Amino acid sequence: MPVHRRRITSRRDGKPYKFTVWHCRLAAQKVEADFDCHSKYVWEEVIEAAYNEMLLKMTEEIDLIRAEGEAAIEDVSLTYDEKERLKELEEIIDRINDRISEMAMRESATNDPIYDATLRNMIYESQIYQQEHEALVKSQDEEIYMRQNLEALITYLENQSSFETFDATEFKKLVERGILHKDYEIEFIFKCGVKRMAYGWRRGKNE
């Protein structure tokens, strides 16, 4: 179930104060479902601290991270046959579009039904091949995207000297999403496909 960011007001020593948490949308009664969720909210500062601790550990396992990233990239990469099919589709689409252009230039002025049917069929055929082509290109682009983000993650881990302060900018660059599990487990899914589990607690350490 998705989570959302909340601002909560509480009291400390009789004085009100606000803090930020992340909470399951169902548990917070923001959505309706056929089941209940009783998960507790987690302080935002806890998530940030758990993330930083996780990054520190990751600096000691660069080779493992690279291997996991490459495995994730392999899952979305085009096979040899798919790459050959992509080239073939580009040639087929070009040929069909050339024929469509030629027919359009010598368009019949007599509303010839055979001409119209042939042109419609070629346009439809081009669209079908184009859909297949776009699906393969999307996978190819995903591979490039994930590989770029794998290198970005490794470079960041290799060059960062301290993880004491949460870097929101780098977090947005590197992390695809986070998932809150039971018992305050936090799963971070990086844009390169690498996944890591961190362990938090409900409240801030000083609370």
N, C-alpha and C. Protein backbone atom coordinates (compact mmCIF):
# COMPACT_ATOMS: atom_id res chain seq x y z
N MET A 1 0.85 -1.19 0.00
CA MET A 1 0.00 0.00 0.00
C MET A 1 0.89 1.25 0.00
N PRO A 2 0.60 2.27 -0.82
CA PRO A 2 1.41 3.49 -0.86
C PRO A 2 1.39 4.21 0.48
N VAL A 3 2.46 4.97 0.72
CA VAL A 3 2.54 5.77 1.93
C VAL A 3 2.48 7.25 1.55
N HIS A 4 2.21 8.09 2.52
CA HIS A 4 2.21 9.52 2.25
C HIS A 4 2.85 10.26 3.42
N ARG A 5 3.24 11.48 3.15
CA ARG A 5 3.95 12.32 4.11
C ARG A 5 2.94 13.13 4.91
N ARG A 6 3.10 13.13 6.23
CA ARG A 6 2.16 13.84 7.11
C ARG A 6 2.91 14.73 8.09
N ARG A 7 2.26 15.82 8.45
CA ARG A 7 2.75 16.66 9.54
C ARG A 7 1.85 16.41 10.74
N ILE A 8 2.44 16.05 11.88
CA ILE A 8 1.68 15.70 13.07
C ILE A 8 2.04 16.65 14.20
N THR A 9 1.05 17.02 14.99
CA THR A 9 1.25 17.87 16.15
C THR A 9 1.18 17.03 17.42
N SER A 10 2.14 17.20 18.29
CA SER A 10 2.15 16.50 19.57
C SER A 10 2.56 17.50 20.65
N ARG A 11 2.78 17.02 21.86
CA ARG A 11 3.15 17.91 22.95
C ARG A 11 4.37 17.35 23.67
N ARG A 12 5.26 18.23 24.06
CA ARG A 12 6.44 17.86 24.83
C ARG A 12 6.60 18.87 25.95
N ASP A 13 6.62 18.37 27.17
CA ASP A 13 6.70 19.24 28.34
C ASP A 13 5.59 20.28 28.33
N GLY A 14 4.42 19.84 27.88
CA GLY A 14 3.26 20.72 27.87
C GLY A 14 3.20 21.68 26.70
N LYS A 15 4.21 21.65 25.84
CA LYS A 15 4.25 22.57 24.71
C LYS A 15 4.04 21.82 23.39
N PRO A 16 3.21 22.38 22.50
CA PRO A 16 2.96 21.70 21.22
C PRO A 16 4.18 21.81 20.29
N TYR A 17 4.38 20.79 19.51
CA TYR A 17 5.42 20.82 18.49
C TYR A 17 4.98 19.95 17.32
N LYS A 18 5.55 20.21 16.16
CA LYS A 18 5.19 19.47 14.95
C LYS A 18 6.36 18.61 14.48
N PHE A 19 6.04 17.48 13.86
CA PHE A 19 7.07 16.64 13.28
C PHE A 19 6.50 15.97 12.04
N THR A 20 7.38 15.49 11.18
CA THR A 20 6.99 14.91 9.90
C THR A 20 7.14 13.40 9.94
N VAL A 21 6.13 12.68 9.44
CA VAL A 21 6.17 11.23 9.41
C VAL A 21 5.74 10.73 8.03
N TRP A 22 6.02 9.45 7.80
CA TRP A 22 5.51 8.75 6.62
C TRP A 22 4.60 7.64 7.12
N HIS A 23 3.42 7.52 6.49
CA HIS A 23 2.40 6.61 7.01
C HIS A 23 1.65 5.95 5.86
N CYS A 24 1.28 4.71 6.04
CA CYS A 24 0.47 4.00 5.05
C CYS A 24 -0.83 4.77 4.82
N ARG A 25 -1.18 4.97 3.57
CA ARG A 25 -2.39 5.75 3.26
C ARG A 25 -3.66 5.09 3.78
N LEU A 26 -3.66 3.75 3.79
CA LEU A 26 -4.83 3.04 4.29
C LEU A 26 -4.93 3.17 5.82
N ALA A 27 -3.82 2.99 6.50
CA ALA A 27 -3.81 3.11 7.96
C ALA A 27 -4.18 4.52 8.39
N ALA A 28 -3.80 5.50 7.57
CA ALA A 28 -4.12 6.89 7.88
C ALA A 28 -5.52 7.27 7.41
N GLN A 29 -6.25 6.29 6.87
CA GLN A 29 -7.62 6.47 6.41
C GLN A 29 -7.72 7.48 5.27
N LYS A 30 -6.70 7.47 4.40
CA LYS A 30 -6.71 8.34 3.23
C LYS A 30 -7.30 7.63 2.01
N VAL A 31 -7.35 6.30 2.06
CA VAL A 31 -7.94 5.51 0.98
C VAL A 31 -8.79 4.41 1.59
N GLU A 32 -9.64 3.79 0.77
CA GLU A 32 -10.48 2.69 1.20
C GLU A 32 -10.04 1.40 0.52
N ALA A 33 -10.16 0.28 1.23
CA ALA A 33 -9.80 -1.03 0.67
C ALA A 33 -10.62 -2.11 1.36
N ASP A 34 -10.52 -3.32 0.82
CA ASP A 34 -11.26 -4.44 1.38
C ASP A 34 -10.53 -5.10 2.55
N PHE A 35 -9.47 -4.51 3.00
CA PHE A 35 -8.70 -5.05 4.13
C PHE A 35 -8.22 -3.90 4.98
N ASP A 36 -7.80 -4.21 6.19
CA ASP A 36 -7.33 -3.20 7.13
C ASP A 36 -5.81 -3.14 7.17
N CYS A 37 -5.31 -2.02 7.57
CA CYS A 37 -3.88 -1.86 7.79
C CYS A 37 -3.69 -1.12 9.10
N HIS A 38 -2.89 -1.70 9.99
CA HIS A 38 -2.67 -1.08 11.29
C HIS A 38 -1.21 -0.67 11.49
N SER A 39 -0.52 -0.47 10.39
CA SER A 39 0.89 -0.09 10.50
C SER A 39 1.03 1.29 11.13
N LYS A 40 2.13 1.49 11.84
CA LYS A 40 2.39 2.75 12.51
C LYS A 40 3.19 3.67 11.59
N TYR A 41 3.08 4.94 11.87
CA TYR A 41 3.88 5.89 11.10
C TYR A 41 5.34 5.83 11.52
N VAL A 42 6.21 6.29 10.64
CA VAL A 42 7.64 6.34 10.91
C VAL A 42 8.10 7.77 10.72
N TRP A 43 8.87 8.27 11.67
CA TRP A 43 9.36 9.63 11.57
C TRP A 43 10.25 9.79 10.34
N GLU A 44 10.12 10.94 9.69
CA GLU A 44 10.94 11.20 8.51
C GLU A 44 12.43 11.20 8.86
N GLU A 45 12.79 11.74 10.00
CA GLU A 45 14.20 11.78 10.39
C GLU A 45 14.74 10.37 10.62
N VAL A 46 13.87 9.45 10.99
CA VAL A 46 14.28 8.05 11.16
C VAL A 46 14.61 7.44 9.80
N ILE A 47 13.74 7.70 8.82
CA ILE A 47 13.99 7.19 7.47
C ILE A 47 15.30 7.74 6.93
N GLU A 48 15.53 9.03 7.15
CA GLU A 48 16.77 9.64 6.67
C GLU A 48 17.99 9.04 7.35
N ALA A 49 17.90 8.82 8.67
CA ALA A 49 19.04 8.24 9.40
C ALA A 49 19.29 6.80 8.97
N ALA A 50 18.21 6.04 8.77
CA ALA A 50 18.35 4.65 8.34
C ALA A 50 18.96 4.59 6.95
N TYR A 51 18.58 5.52 6.10
CA TYR A 51 19.12 5.59 4.75
C TYR A 51 20.62 5.88 4.79
N ASN A 52 21.02 6.83 5.61
CA ASN A 52 22.44 7.18 5.71
C ASN A 52 23.27 6.01 6.26
N GLU A 53 22.74 5.32 7.25
CA GLU A 53 23.44 4.15 7.79
C GLU A 53 23.60 3.07 6.73
N MET A 54 22.57 2.91 5.93
CA MET A 54 22.61 1.91 4.86
C MET A 54 23.66 2.28 3.82
N LEU A 55 23.72 3.57 3.46
CA LEU A 55 24.72 4.01 2.49
C LEU A 55 26.14 3.75 3.00
N LEU A 56 26.36 3.98 4.27
CA LEU A 56 27.68 3.75 4.84
C LEU A 56 28.09 2.29 4.67
N LYS A 57 27.18 1.38 4.91
CA LYS A 57 27.46 -0.04 4.73
C LYS A 57 27.71 -0.36 3.26
N MET A 58 26.99 0.32 2.38
CA MET A 58 27.11 0.05 0.95
C MET A 58 28.49 0.45 0.42
N THR A 59 29.16 1.38 1.08
CA THR A 59 30.51 1.78 0.62
C THR A 59 31.49 0.63 0.73
N GLU A 60 31.16 -0.37 1.54
CA GLU A 60 32.04 -1.52 1.74
C GLU A 60 31.70 -2.69 0.83
N GLU A 61 30.72 -2.52 -0.03
CA GLU A 61 30.29 -3.62 -0.90
C GLU A 61 30.07 -3.15 -2.34
N ILE A 62 30.98 -2.35 -2.82
CA ILE A 62 30.86 -1.78 -4.17
C ILE A 62 30.77 -2.87 -5.23
N ASP A 63 31.64 -3.88 -5.11
CA ASP A 63 31.64 -4.96 -6.12
C ASP A 63 30.30 -5.70 -6.14
N LEU A 64 29.73 -5.93 -4.97
CA LEU A 64 28.44 -6.60 -4.89
C LEU A 64 27.34 -5.74 -5.50
N ILE A 65 27.39 -4.45 -5.23
CA ILE A 65 26.40 -3.53 -5.79
C ILE A 65 26.47 -3.53 -7.31
N ARG A 66 27.69 -3.50 -7.84
CA ARG A 66 27.84 -3.51 -9.29
C ARG A 66 27.27 -4.80 -9.88
N ALA A 67 27.55 -5.92 -9.23
CA ALA A 67 27.06 -7.21 -9.72
C ALA A 67 25.53 -7.25 -9.68
N GLU A 68 24.94 -6.75 -8.60
CA GLU A 68 23.47 -6.73 -8.49
C GLU A 68 22.86 -5.80 -9.53
N GLY A 69 23.52 -4.66 -9.73
CA GLY A 69 23.02 -3.73 -10.74
C GLY A 69 23.08 -4.31 -12.13
N GLU A 70 24.18 -4.97 -12.45
CA GLU A 70 24.32 -5.59 -13.77
C GLU A 70 23.28 -6.67 -13.98
N ALA A 71 22.97 -7.41 -12.91
CA ALA A 71 21.95 -8.47 -13.01
C ALA A 71 20.57 -7.85 -13.27
N ALA A 72 20.28 -6.74 -12.60
CA ALA A 72 19.00 -6.07 -12.81
C ALA A 72 18.91 -5.51 -14.22
N ILE A 73 20.02 -4.97 -14.71
CA ILE A 73 20.06 -4.42 -16.07
C ILE A 73 19.87 -5.53 -17.10
N GLU A 74 20.48 -6.68 -16.83
CA GLU A 74 20.36 -7.82 -17.74
C GLU A 74 18.90 -8.23 -17.92
N ASP A 75 18.10 -8.09 -16.87
CA ASP A 75 16.69 -8.48 -16.93
C ASP A 75 15.89 -7.64 -17.92
N VAL A 76 16.32 -6.39 -18.13
CA VAL A 76 15.57 -5.52 -19.04
C VAL A 76 16.26 -5.35 -20.39
N SER A 77 17.49 -5.85 -20.51
CA SER A 77 18.26 -5.66 -21.74
C SER A 77 17.69 -6.49 -22.90
N LEU A 78 17.85 -5.98 -24.09
CA LEU A 78 17.41 -6.71 -25.27
C LEU A 78 18.33 -7.90 -25.52
N THR A 79 17.75 -9.00 -25.94
CA THR A 79 18.55 -10.16 -26.34
C THR A 79 19.14 -9.88 -27.73
N TYR A 80 20.01 -10.76 -28.16
CA TYR A 80 20.59 -10.61 -29.50
C TYR A 80 19.49 -10.62 -30.56
N ASP A 81 18.55 -11.57 -30.43
CA ASP A 81 17.45 -11.66 -31.40
C ASP A 81 16.60 -10.40 -31.39
N GLU A 82 16.38 -9.83 -30.22
CA GLU A 82 15.56 -8.62 -30.12
C GLU A 82 16.27 -7.43 -30.77
N LYS A 83 17.59 -7.37 -30.60
CA LYS A 83 18.35 -6.29 -31.24
C LYS A 83 18.28 -6.41 -32.77
N GLU A 84 18.39 -7.64 -33.25
CA GLU A 84 18.28 -7.86 -34.69
C GLU A 84 16.87 -7.53 -35.19
N ARG A 85 15.88 -7.88 -34.38
CA ARG A 85 14.50 -7.57 -34.75
C ARG A 85 14.28 -6.05 -34.78
N LEU A 86 14.91 -5.33 -33.89
CA LEU A 86 14.78 -3.88 -33.86
C LEU A 86 15.32 -3.27 -35.15
N LYS A 87 16.46 -3.76 -35.61
CA LYS A 87 17.02 -3.27 -36.87
C LYS A 87 16.09 -3.60 -38.04
N GLU A 88 15.56 -4.83 -38.01
CA GLU A 88 14.65 -5.26 -39.08
C GLU A 88 13.40 -4.39 -39.12
N LEU A 89 12.85 -4.09 -37.95
CA LEU A 89 11.64 -3.27 -37.88
C LEU A 89 11.88 -1.87 -38.43
N GLU A 90 13.04 -1.32 -38.14
CA GLU A 90 13.36 0.02 -38.64
C GLU A 90 13.37 0.03 -40.16
N GLU A 91 13.93 -1.02 -40.76
CA GLU A 91 13.96 -1.12 -42.22
C GLU A 91 12.56 -1.31 -42.79
N ILE A 92 11.76 -2.17 -42.13
CA ILE A 92 10.39 -2.43 -42.61
C ILE A 92 9.55 -1.15 -42.55
N ILE A 93 9.63 -0.44 -41.43
CA ILE A 93 8.85 0.79 -41.26
C ILE A 93 9.25 1.84 -42.28
N ASP A 94 10.54 1.95 -42.54
CA ASP A 94 11.02 2.92 -43.54
C ASP A 94 10.46 2.57 -44.92
N ARG A 95 10.49 1.28 -45.27
CA ARG A 95 9.99 0.87 -46.59
C ARG A 95 8.50 1.17 -46.73
N ILE A 96 7.73 0.84 -45.70
CA ILE A 96 6.28 1.07 -45.76
C ILE A 96 5.98 2.57 -45.84
N ASN A 97 6.68 3.36 -45.04
CA ASN A 97 6.44 4.80 -45.06
C ASN A 97 6.82 5.41 -46.40
N ASP A 98 7.86 4.88 -47.05
CA ASP A 98 8.24 5.36 -48.38
C ASP A 98 7.12 5.05 -49.38
N ARG A 99 6.54 3.87 -49.27
CA ARG A 99 5.44 3.50 -50.17
C ARG A 99 4.22 4.37 -49.93
N ILE A 100 3.95 4.67 -48.66
CA ILE A 100 2.81 5.54 -48.34
C ILE A 100 3.03 6.93 -48.93
N SER A 101 4.26 7.44 -48.82
CA SER A 101 4.57 8.77 -49.38
C SER A 101 4.41 8.78 -50.89
N GLU A 102 4.86 7.71 -51.53
CA GLU A 102 4.75 7.62 -52.99
C GLU A 102 3.29 7.61 -53.43
N MET A 103 2.47 6.83 -52.71
CA MET A 103 1.05 6.77 -53.06
C MET A 103 0.36 8.10 -52.81
N ALA A 104 0.77 8.78 -51.73
CA ALA A 104 0.15 10.06 -51.41
C ALA A 104 0.44 11.10 -52.49
N MET A 105 1.63 11.01 -53.10
CA MET A 105 2.01 11.98 -54.14
C MET A 105 1.25 11.74 -55.44
N ARG A 106 0.82 10.50 -55.70
CA ARG A 106 0.04 10.21 -56.91
C ARG A 106 -1.38 9.80 -56.54
N GLU A 107 -1.90 10.54 -55.58
CA GLU A 107 -3.24 10.24 -55.06
C GLU A 107 -4.27 10.26 -56.19
N SER A 108 -5.14 9.24 -56.16
CA SER A 108 -6.16 9.13 -57.20
C SER A 108 -7.22 10.21 -57.03
N ALA A 109 -7.60 10.80 -58.12
CA ALA A 109 -8.62 11.85 -58.09
C ALA A 109 -10.01 11.29 -58.35
N THR A 110 -10.11 9.99 -58.50
CA THR A 110 -11.39 9.37 -58.86
C THR A 110 -12.00 8.57 -57.71
N ASN A 111 -11.45 8.77 -56.47
CA ASN A 111 -11.94 8.03 -55.31
C ASN A 111 -11.94 6.52 -55.56
N ASP A 112 -10.83 6.03 -56.06
CA ASP A 112 -10.66 4.60 -56.36
C ASP A 112 -10.68 3.82 -55.05
N PRO A 113 -11.67 2.93 -54.84
CA PRO A 113 -11.76 2.17 -53.59
C PRO A 113 -10.55 1.25 -53.37
N ILE A 114 -9.97 0.73 -54.44
CA ILE A 114 -8.79 -0.13 -54.30
C ILE A 114 -7.60 0.68 -53.78
N TYR A 115 -7.46 1.89 -54.34
CA TYR A 115 -6.38 2.79 -53.89
C TYR A 115 -6.57 3.11 -52.41
N ASP A 116 -7.76 3.49 -52.02
CA ASP A 116 -8.04 3.88 -50.63
C ASP A 116 -7.79 2.70 -49.68
N ALA A 117 -8.24 1.51 -50.10
CA ALA A 117 -8.08 0.34 -49.24
C ALA A 117 -6.60 -0.01 -49.08
N THR A 118 -5.85 0.09 -50.18
CA THR A 118 -4.41 -0.21 -50.13
C THR A 118 -3.68 0.76 -49.20
N LEU A 119 -4.01 2.04 -49.31
CA LEU A 119 -3.36 3.06 -48.49
C LEU A 119 -3.69 2.85 -47.00
N ARG A 120 -4.97 2.58 -46.71
CA ARG A 120 -5.37 2.35 -45.32
C ARG A 120 -4.66 1.13 -44.75
N ASN A 121 -4.52 0.09 -45.56
CA ASN A 121 -3.87 -1.13 -45.10
C ASN A 121 -2.40 -0.89 -44.78
N MET A 122 -1.73 -0.08 -45.63
CA MET A 122 -0.31 0.20 -45.39
C MET A 122 -0.13 1.05 -44.13
N ILE A 123 -1.02 2.00 -43.93
CA ILE A 123 -0.94 2.84 -42.72
C ILE A 123 -1.14 1.99 -41.47
N TYR A 124 -2.13 1.10 -41.53
CA TYR A 124 -2.39 0.20 -40.40
C TYR A 124 -1.18 -0.71 -40.15
N GLU A 125 -0.61 -1.24 -41.23
CA GLU A 125 0.56 -2.11 -41.11
C GLU A 125 1.74 -1.37 -40.48
N SER A 126 1.94 -0.13 -40.90
CA SER A 126 3.01 0.68 -40.34
C SER A 126 2.80 0.91 -38.85
N GLN A 127 1.57 1.14 -38.44
CA GLN A 127 1.27 1.37 -37.02
C GLN A 127 1.55 0.13 -36.18
N ILE A 128 1.22 -1.05 -36.71
CA ILE A 128 1.48 -2.30 -35.97
C ILE A 128 2.98 -2.50 -35.78
N TYR A 129 3.75 -2.32 -36.83
CA TYR A 129 5.20 -2.46 -36.71
C TYR A 129 5.79 -1.39 -35.78
N GLN A 130 5.19 -0.20 -35.83
CA GLN A 130 5.68 0.90 -35.00
C GLN A 130 5.48 0.59 -33.52
N GLN A 131 4.37 -0.03 -33.18
CA GLN A 131 4.11 -0.40 -31.78
C GLN A 131 5.15 -1.39 -31.27
N GLU A 132 5.46 -2.38 -32.10
CA GLU A 132 6.48 -3.36 -31.72
C GLU A 132 7.84 -2.67 -31.58
N HIS A 133 8.13 -1.77 -32.49
CA HIS A 133 9.40 -1.04 -32.46
C HIS A 133 9.51 -0.21 -31.19
N GLU A 134 8.44 0.49 -30.82
CA GLU A 134 8.45 1.34 -29.64
C GLU A 134 8.66 0.53 -28.36
N ALA A 135 8.10 -0.67 -28.30
CA ALA A 135 8.26 -1.52 -27.11
C ALA A 135 9.72 -1.93 -26.95
N LEU A 136 10.38 -2.26 -28.05
CA LEU A 136 11.79 -2.65 -28.00
C LEU A 136 12.68 -1.45 -27.65
N VAL A 137 12.36 -0.30 -28.21
CA VAL A 137 13.12 0.91 -27.91
C VAL A 137 12.98 1.28 -26.44
N LYS A 138 11.79 1.09 -25.89
CA LYS A 138 11.56 1.39 -24.48
C LYS A 138 12.46 0.53 -23.59
N SER A 139 12.58 -0.75 -23.92
CA SER A 139 13.46 -1.64 -23.16
C SER A 139 14.92 -1.22 -23.32
N GLN A 140 15.28 -0.81 -24.52
CA GLN A 140 16.64 -0.36 -24.78
C GLN A 140 16.96 0.90 -23.98
N ASP A 141 15.99 1.81 -23.93
CA ASP A 141 16.18 3.05 -23.17
C ASP A 141 16.25 2.76 -21.67
N GLU A 142 15.48 1.79 -21.21
CA GLU A 142 15.50 1.41 -19.79
C GLU A 142 16.87 0.88 -19.40
N GLU A 143 17.47 0.10 -20.28
CA GLU A 143 18.82 -0.42 -20.03
C GLU A 143 19.81 0.73 -19.88
N ILE A 144 19.75 1.70 -20.79
CA ILE A 144 20.65 2.84 -20.74
C ILE A 144 20.43 3.65 -19.46
N TYR A 145 19.16 3.86 -19.12
CA TYR A 145 18.80 4.62 -17.92
C TYR A 145 19.34 3.95 -16.66
N MET A 146 19.15 2.65 -16.55
CA MET A 146 19.60 1.93 -15.36
C MET A 146 21.13 1.89 -15.28
N ARG A 147 21.78 1.74 -16.42
CA ARG A 147 23.24 1.70 -16.40
C ARG A 147 23.82 3.05 -15.98
N GLN A 148 23.23 4.12 -16.46
CA GLN A 148 23.69 5.45 -16.06
C GLN A 148 23.51 5.65 -14.55
N ASN A 149 22.39 5.17 -14.03
CA ASN A 149 22.13 5.34 -12.60
C ASN A 149 22.98 4.41 -11.74
N LEU A 150 23.38 3.27 -12.27
CA LEU A 150 24.29 2.39 -11.54
C LEU A 150 25.65 3.08 -11.39
N GLU A 151 26.13 3.66 -12.46
CA GLU A 151 27.41 4.37 -12.39
C GLU A 151 27.32 5.56 -11.46
N ALA A 152 26.17 6.26 -11.47
CA ALA A 152 25.98 7.41 -10.58
C ALA A 152 26.00 6.98 -9.12
N LEU A 153 25.36 5.85 -8.81
CA LEU A 153 25.34 5.35 -7.44
C LEU A 153 26.74 4.97 -6.98
N ILE A 154 27.45 4.22 -7.80
CA ILE A 154 28.80 3.78 -7.43
C ILE A 154 29.74 4.97 -7.27
N THR A 155 29.66 5.92 -8.18
CA THR A 155 30.49 7.13 -8.08
C THR A 155 30.20 7.88 -6.80
N TYR A 156 28.93 8.00 -6.46
CA TYR A 156 28.54 8.70 -5.23
C TYR A 156 29.10 7.99 -4.00
N LEU A 157 28.98 6.67 -3.96
CA LEU A 157 29.46 5.91 -2.80
C LEU A 157 30.98 5.98 -2.69
N GLU A 158 31.66 6.00 -3.81
CA GLU A 158 33.12 6.02 -3.80
C GLU A 158 33.69 7.38 -3.42
N ASN A 159 32.92 8.44 -3.66
CA ASN A 159 33.45 9.79 -3.45
C ASN A 159 32.88 10.50 -2.22
N GLN A 160 31.85 9.94 -1.63
CA GLN A 160 31.25 10.57 -0.45
C GLN A 160 32.04 10.18 0.79
N SER A 161 32.50 11.16 1.54
CA SER A 161 33.33 10.88 2.73
C SER A 161 32.52 10.77 4.01
N SER A 162 31.33 11.36 4.03
CA SER A 162 30.52 11.34 5.25
C SER A 162 29.05 11.17 4.91
N PHE A 163 28.36 10.40 5.74
CA PHE A 163 26.92 10.20 5.57
C PHE A 163 26.17 10.63 6.82
N GLU A 164 26.70 11.62 7.50
CA GLU A 164 26.07 12.09 8.73
C GLU A 164 24.87 12.98 8.45
N THR A 165 24.89 13.65 7.29
CA THR A 165 23.81 14.56 6.92
C THR A 165 23.04 13.99 5.75
N PHE A 166 21.72 14.02 5.84
CA PHE A 166 20.89 13.50 4.76
C PHE A 166 20.92 14.46 3.58
N ASP A 167 21.24 13.95 2.40
CA ASP A 167 21.32 14.74 1.18
C ASP A 167 20.08 14.48 0.34
N ALA A 168 19.10 15.37 0.46
CA ALA A 168 17.82 15.18 -0.23
C ALA A 168 17.99 15.22 -1.75
N THR A 169 18.91 16.04 -2.24
CA THR A 169 19.11 16.16 -3.68
C THR A 169 19.64 14.86 -4.27
N GLU A 170 20.66 14.29 -3.63
CA GLU A 170 21.21 13.02 -4.11
C GLU A 170 20.22 11.89 -3.93
N PHE A 171 19.43 11.94 -2.87
CA PHE A 171 18.41 10.91 -2.65
C PHE A 171 17.45 10.85 -3.83
N LYS A 172 16.99 12.01 -4.28
CA LYS A 172 16.05 12.06 -5.40
C LYS A 172 16.71 11.58 -6.69
N LYS A 173 18.02 11.82 -6.83
CA LYS A 173 18.73 11.40 -8.04
C LYS A 173 18.91 9.89 -8.09
N LEU A 174 19.12 9.27 -6.92
CA LEU A 174 19.53 7.86 -6.87
C LEU A 174 18.39 6.88 -6.60
N VAL A 175 17.39 7.29 -5.83
CA VAL A 175 16.37 6.36 -5.35
C VAL A 175 15.08 6.47 -6.15
N GLU A 176 14.60 5.32 -6.60
CA GLU A 176 13.34 5.26 -7.34
C GLU A 176 12.16 5.39 -6.40
N ARG A 177 12.18 4.60 -5.32
CA ARG A 177 11.11 4.67 -4.33
C ARG A 177 11.53 3.93 -3.06
N GLY A 178 10.77 4.18 -2.01
CA GLY A 178 10.99 3.48 -0.75
C GLY A 178 9.71 2.80 -0.31
N ILE A 179 9.84 1.67 0.36
CA ILE A 179 8.67 0.91 0.81
C ILE A 179 8.79 0.67 2.30
N LEU A 180 7.73 1.00 3.05
CA LEU A 180 7.71 0.74 4.48
C LEU A 180 7.07 -0.62 4.72
N HIS A 181 7.81 -1.51 5.36
CA HIS A 181 7.30 -2.83 5.71
C HIS A 181 6.97 -2.88 7.20
N LYS A 182 6.47 -4.01 7.63
CA LYS A 182 6.14 -4.14 9.04
C LYS A 182 7.43 -4.12 9.88
N ASP A 183 7.24 -3.86 11.18
CA ASP A 183 8.37 -3.79 12.12
C ASP A 183 9.38 -2.73 11.71
N TYR A 184 8.88 -1.69 11.01
CA TYR A 184 9.69 -0.53 10.66
C TYR A 184 10.85 -0.86 9.73
N GLU A 185 10.71 -1.92 8.95
CA GLU A 185 11.69 -2.20 7.91
C GLU A 185 11.44 -1.25 6.73
N ILE A 186 12.50 -0.72 6.18
CA ILE A 186 12.40 0.23 5.09
C ILE A 186 13.20 -0.29 3.91
N GLU A 187 12.53 -0.51 2.80
CA GLU A 187 13.21 -1.00 1.60
C GLU A 187 13.43 0.16 0.63
N PHE A 188 14.67 0.36 0.24
CA PHE A 188 15.01 1.40 -0.73
C PHE A 188 15.33 0.73 -2.06
N ILE A 189 14.66 1.20 -3.11
CA ILE A 189 14.87 0.66 -4.45
C ILE A 189 15.52 1.75 -5.29
N PHE A 190 16.75 1.51 -5.68
CA PHE A 190 17.51 2.50 -6.44
C PHE A 190 17.13 2.45 -7.92
N LYS A 191 17.39 3.54 -8.61
CA LYS A 191 17.02 3.66 -10.02
C LYS A 191 17.78 2.70 -10.91
N CYS A 192 18.87 2.13 -10.40
CA CYS A 192 19.65 1.16 -11.17
C CYS A 192 19.16 -0.26 -10.95
N GLY A 193 18.13 -0.44 -10.10
CA GLY A 193 17.59 -1.78 -9.85
C GLY A 193 18.11 -2.42 -8.58
N VAL A 194 19.14 -1.85 -7.96
CA VAL A 194 19.66 -2.38 -6.69
C VAL A 194 18.66 -2.10 -5.58
N LYS A 195 18.48 -3.07 -4.69
CA LYS A 195 17.55 -2.93 -3.58
C LYS A 195 18.29 -3.18 -2.27
N ARG A 196 17.97 -2.38 -1.26
CA ARG A 196 18.57 -2.55 0.05
C ARG A 196 17.51 -2.34 1.13
N MET A 197 17.62 -3.14 2.19
CA MET A 197 16.71 -3.04 3.32
C MET A 197 17.40 -2.34 4.48
N ALA A 198 16.72 -1.38 5.07
CA ALA A 198 17.24 -0.69 6.25
C ALA A 198 16.26 -0.90 7.39
N TYR A 199 16.70 -0.68 8.58
CA TYR A 199 15.87 -0.91 9.77
C TYR A 199 15.75 0.37 10.57
N GLY A 200 14.51 0.77 10.78
CA GLY A 200 14.27 2.00 11.50
C GLY A 200 13.56 1.77 12.83
N TRP A 201 12.90 2.78 13.28
CA TRP A 201 12.12 2.71 14.50
C TRP A 201 11.00 3.73 14.31
N ARG A 202 10.04 3.72 15.18
CA ARG A 202 8.89 4.57 14.92
C ARG A 202 9.20 6.04 15.09
N ARG A 203 9.92 6.38 16.14
CA ARG A 203 10.14 7.79 16.45
C ARG A 203 11.59 8.18 16.32
N GLY A 204 11.81 9.50 16.45
CA GLY A 204 13.15 10.02 16.45
C GLY A 204 13.90 9.51 17.68
N LYS A 205 15.20 9.37 17.55
CA LYS A 205 16.00 8.81 18.64
C LYS A 205 15.93 9.65 19.89
N ASN A 206 15.68 10.94 19.71
CA ASN A 206 15.67 11.83 20.87
C ASN A 206 14.28 11.97 21.45
N GLU A 207 13.32 11.22 20.92
CA GLU A 207 11.93 11.35 21.38
C GLU A 207 11.61 10.28 22.44
